[in-house]
Amino acid sequence: IGVAFGASSGLGPWLLALGIGLQNIPEGAAVSLPLMREGISRGKSFFFGQLSGAVEPVAALVGVLLALRLSTILPFLLAFSAGAMVAVVGGELLPEAASANKNRTIIGFLLGFLLMMVLDVTLG
């Protein structure tokens, strides 16, 4: 989020923040609900669920500052992070999925990558 705000303006960074905020709801529930099941009060469980996302505003501030400072090499850093994400998916998720049906896994991965590239080119 911080890099998005530091590197661009307009509606894009706000939509990204909204999307990540919505994604944080089930993430906080994944922390809170097991605590409640173990007998911790509803208020404490909610607090710990909220605490699990407390690092994000701090990280966003660091991201903004770094994006403003490193604007000349930012595209290379973003490309590196995208490559790291693809490597994690390829190394961790694909072998498990391929054990069920190798052909469907490869076709699904390639179609997803193709869709991502088409959306990137068409939406800018």
C-alpha atoms as a PDB file:
ATOM      1  CA  ILE A   1       0.000   0.000   0.000  1.00  0.00           C
ATOM      2  CA  GLY A   2       2.803   2.379   0.876  1.00  0.00           C
ATOM      3  CA  VAL A   3       4.584   1.806  -2.415  1.00  0.00           C
ATOM      4  CA  ALA A   4       1.317   2.345  -4.295  1.00  0.00           C
ATOM      5  CA  PHE A   5       0.768   5.688  -2.560  1.00  0.00           C
ATOM      6  CA  GLY A   6       4.406   6.682  -2.977  1.00  0.00           C
ATOM      7  CA  ALA A   7       4.624   5.749  -6.651  1.00  0.00           C
ATOM      8  CA  SER A   8       1.279   6.924  -7.979  1.00  0.00           C
ATOM      9  CA  SER A   9      -1.716   9.078  -7.286  1.00  0.00           C
ATOM     10  CA  GLY A  10      -5.390   8.993  -8.055  1.00  0.00           C
ATOM     11  CA  LEU A  11      -7.854   6.249  -7.253  1.00  0.00           C
ATOM     12  CA  GLY A  12      -5.514   3.246  -7.686  1.00  0.00           C
ATOM     13  CA  PRO A  13      -3.789   3.307  -4.297  1.00  0.00           C
ATOM     14  CA  TRP A  14      -7.113   3.854  -2.524  1.00  0.00           C
ATOM     15  CA  LEU A  15      -8.664   0.850  -4.273  1.00  0.00           C
ATOM     16  CA  LEU A  16      -5.650  -1.264  -3.354  1.00  0.00           C
ATOM     17  CA  ALA A  17      -5.977  -0.181   0.282  1.00  0.00           C
ATOM     18  CA  LEU A  18      -9.687  -1.047   0.214  1.00  0.00           C
ATOM     19  CA  GLY A  19      -8.974  -4.475  -1.287  1.00  0.00           C
ATOM     20  CA  ILE A  20      -6.316  -5.270   1.280  1.00  0.00           C
ATOM     21  CA  GLY A  21      -8.583  -3.988   4.052  1.00  0.00           C
ATOM     22  CA  LEU A  22     -11.345  -6.334   2.909  1.00  0.00           C
ATOM     23  CA  GLN A  23      -8.867  -9.193   2.781  1.00  0.00           C
ATOM     24  CA  ASN A  24      -7.896  -8.417   6.378  1.00  0.00           C
ATOM     25  CA  ILE A  25     -11.406  -9.249   7.631  1.00  0.00           C
ATOM     26  CA  PRO A  26     -11.079 -13.031   7.195  1.00  0.00           C
ATOM     27  CA  GLU A  27      -7.448 -12.801   8.284  1.00  0.00           C
ATOM     28  CA  GLY A  28      -8.469 -11.221  11.588  1.00  0.00           C
ATOM     29  CA  ALA A  29     -11.252 -13.773  11.959  1.00  0.00           C
ATOM     30  CA  ALA A  30      -8.690 -16.559  11.457  1.00  0.00           C
ATOM     31  CA  VAL A  31      -6.920 -15.208  14.524  1.00  0.00           C
ATOM     32  CA  SER A  32      -9.974 -14.305  16.636  1.00  0.00           C
ATOM     33  CA  LEU A  33     -12.239 -17.302  16.162  1.00  0.00           C
ATOM     34  CA  PRO A  34      -9.792 -19.989  17.361  1.00  0.00           C
ATOM     35  CA  LEU A  35      -9.047 -17.843  20.409  1.00  0.00           C
ATOM     36  CA  MET A  36     -12.755 -17.631  21.219  1.00  0.00           C
ATOM     37  CA  ARG A  37     -13.061 -21.396  20.771  1.00  0.00           C
ATOM     38  CA  GLU A  38     -10.291 -21.811  23.359  1.00  0.00           C
ATOM     39  CA  GLY A  39     -12.275 -19.789  25.881  1.00  0.00           C
ATOM     40  CA  ILE A  40     -10.743 -16.330  25.550  1.00  0.00           C
ATOM     41  CA  SER A  41     -13.318 -13.564  25.853  1.00  0.00           C
ATOM     42  CA  ARG A  42     -14.906 -12.017  22.771  1.00  0.00           C
ATOM     43  CA  GLY A  43     -13.267  -8.624  23.457  1.00  0.00           C
ATOM     44  CA  LYS A  44      -9.759 -10.044  23.892  1.00  0.00           C
ATOM     45  CA  SER A  45     -10.163 -12.251  20.827  1.00  0.00           C
ATOM     46  CA  PHE A  46     -11.258  -9.253  18.780  1.00  0.00           C
ATOM     47  CA  PHE A  47      -8.321  -7.229  20.109  1.00  0.00           C
ATOM     48  CA  PHE A  48      -5.794  -9.896  19.080  1.00  0.00           C
ATOM     49  CA  GLY A  49      -7.442 -10.181  15.678  1.00  0.00           C
ATOM     50  CA  GLN A  50      -7.036  -6.426  15.215  1.00  0.00           C
ATOM     51  CA  LEU A  51      -3.487  -6.589  16.505  1.00  0.00           C
ATOM     52  CA  SER A  52      -2.591  -9.064  13.767  1.00  0.00           C
ATOM     53  CA  GLY A  53      -3.041  -6.269  11.207  1.00  0.00           C
ATOM     54  CA  ALA A  54      -1.456  -3.471  13.257  1.00  0.00           C
ATOM     55  CA  VAL A  55       1.880  -3.769  11.487  1.00  0.00           C
ATOM     56  CA  GLU A  56       0.367  -2.820   8.129  1.00  0.00           C
ATOM     57  CA  PRO A  57       0.074   0.969   8.672  1.00  0.00           C
ATOM     58  CA  VAL A  58       3.688   1.075   9.888  1.00  0.00           C
ATOM     59  CA  ALA A  59       4.848  -0.972   6.883  1.00  0.00           C
ATOM     60  CA  ALA A  60       2.816   1.275   4.566  1.00  0.00           C
ATOM     61  CA  LEU A  61       4.559   4.355   5.942  1.00  0.00           C
ATOM     62  CA  VAL A  62       7.945   2.714   5.374  1.00  0.00           C
ATOM     63  CA  GLY A  63       6.801   1.787   1.859  1.00  0.00           C
ATOM     64  CA  VAL A  64       5.822   5.379   1.059  1.00  0.00           C
ATOM     65  CA  LEU A  65       9.150   6.712   2.279  1.00  0.00           C
ATOM     66  CA  LEU A  66      11.130   4.103   0.340  1.00  0.00           C
ATOM     67  CA  ALA A  67       9.084   4.599  -2.819  1.00  0.00           C
ATOM     68  CA  LEU A  68       9.719   8.341  -2.710  1.00  0.00           C
ATOM     69  CA  ARG A  69      13.446   7.837  -2.091  1.00  0.00           C
ATOM     70  CA  LEU A  70      14.019   5.004  -4.573  1.00  0.00           C
ATOM     71  CA  SER A  71      11.755   6.125  -7.397  1.00  0.00           C
ATOM     72  CA  THR A  72      14.418   5.569 -10.065  1.00  0.00           C
ATOM     73  CA  ILE A  73      14.864   1.867  -9.268  1.00  0.00           C
ATOM     74  CA  LEU A  74      11.283   1.217  -8.173  1.00  0.00           C
ATOM     75  CA  PRO A  75      10.313  -0.629 -11.395  1.00  0.00           C
ATOM     76  CA  PHE A  76      13.183  -3.059 -10.878  1.00  0.00           C
ATOM     77  CA  LEU A  77      12.229  -3.640  -7.245  1.00  0.00           C
ATOM     78  CA  LEU A  78       8.601  -4.264  -8.207  1.00  0.00           C
ATOM     79  CA  ALA A  79       9.690  -6.684 -10.947  1.00  0.00           C
ATOM     80  CA  PHE A  80      11.857  -8.507  -8.412  1.00  0.00           C
ATOM     81  CA  SER A  81       8.977  -8.808  -5.945  1.00  0.00           C
ATOM     82  CA  ALA A  82       6.640 -10.077  -8.682  1.00  0.00           C
ATOM     83  CA  GLY A  83       9.234 -12.661  -9.680  1.00  0.00           C
ATOM     84  CA  ALA A  84       9.588 -13.734  -6.053  1.00  0.00           C
ATOM     85  CA  MET A  85       5.821 -14.231  -5.807  1.00  0.00           C
ATOM     86  CA  VAL A  86       5.766 -16.334  -8.985  1.00  0.00           C
ATOM     87  CA  ALA A  87       8.701 -18.365  -7.646  1.00  0.00           C
ATOM     88  CA  VAL A  88       6.841 -19.061  -4.393  1.00  0.00           C
ATOM     89  CA  VAL A  89       3.733 -20.161  -6.284  1.00  0.00           C
ATOM     90  CA  GLY A  90       5.830 -22.306  -8.613  1.00  0.00           C
ATOM     91  CA  GLY A  91       7.873 -23.839  -5.836  1.00  0.00           C
ATOM     92  CA  GLU A  92       5.209 -24.362  -3.178  1.00  0.00           C
ATOM     93  CA  LEU A  93       1.740 -24.545  -4.682  1.00  0.00           C
ATOM     94  CA  LEU A  94       2.224 -26.082  -8.119  1.00  0.00           C
ATOM     95  CA  PRO A  95       3.820 -29.358  -6.953  1.00  0.00           C
ATOM     96  CA  GLU A  96       0.898 -30.013  -4.613  1.00  0.00           C
ATOM     97  CA  ALA A  97      -1.675 -29.175  -7.275  1.00  0.00           C
ATOM     98  CA  ALA A  98       0.185 -31.168  -9.934  1.00  0.00           C
ATOM     99  CA  SER A  99      -0.043 -34.339  -7.870  1.00  0.00           C
ATOM    100  CA  ALA A 100      -3.797 -34.337  -8.534  1.00  0.00           C
ATOM    101  CA  ASN A 101      -3.731 -33.538 -12.265  1.00  0.00           C
ATOM    102  CA  LYS A 102      -0.546 -32.285 -13.876  1.00  0.00           C
ATOM    103  CA  ASN A 103      -2.055 -31.143 -17.192  1.00  0.00           C
ATOM    104  CA  ARG A 104      -4.858 -29.116 -15.604  1.00  0.00           C
ATOM    105  CA  THR A 105      -2.412 -27.512 -13.209  1.00  0.00           C
ATOM    106  CA  ILE A 106      -0.065 -26.384 -15.981  1.00  0.00           C
ATOM    107  CA  ILE A 107      -2.908 -25.165 -18.213  1.00  0.00           C
ATOM    108  CA  GLY A 108      -4.508 -23.269 -15.304  1.00  0.00           C
ATOM    109  CA  PHE A 109      -1.198 -21.663 -14.362  1.00  0.00           C
ATOM    110  CA  LEU A 110      -0.521 -20.579 -17.952  1.00  0.00           C
ATOM    111  CA  LEU A 111      -4.067 -19.247 -18.444  1.00  0.00           C
ATOM    112  CA  GLY A 112      -3.826 -17.292 -15.196  1.00  0.00           C
ATOM    113  CA  PHE A 113      -0.493 -15.823 -16.228  1.00  0.00           C
ATOM    114  CA  LEU A 114      -1.875 -14.942 -19.662  1.00  0.00           C
ATOM    115  CA  LEU A 115      -4.918 -13.244 -18.095  1.00  0.00           C
ATOM    116  CA  MET A 116      -2.653 -11.287 -15.754  1.00  0.00           C
ATOM    117  CA  MET A 117      -0.523 -10.073 -18.665  1.00  0.00           C
ATOM    118  CA  VAL A 118      -3.566  -9.112 -20.772  1.00  0.00           C
ATOM    119  CA  LEU A 119      -5.048  -7.147 -17.881  1.00  0.00           C
ATOM    120  CA  ASP A 120      -1.704  -5.463 -17.214  1.00  0.00           C
ATOM    121  CA  VAL A 121      -1.350  -4.358 -20.830  1.00  0.00           C
ATOM    122  CA  THR A 122      -4.968  -3.294 -21.333  1.00  0.00           C
ATOM    123  CA  LEU A 123      -5.457  -1.547 -17.986  1.00  0.00           C
ATOM    124  CA  GLY A 124      -2.002  -0.022 -17.866  1.00  0.00           C
END
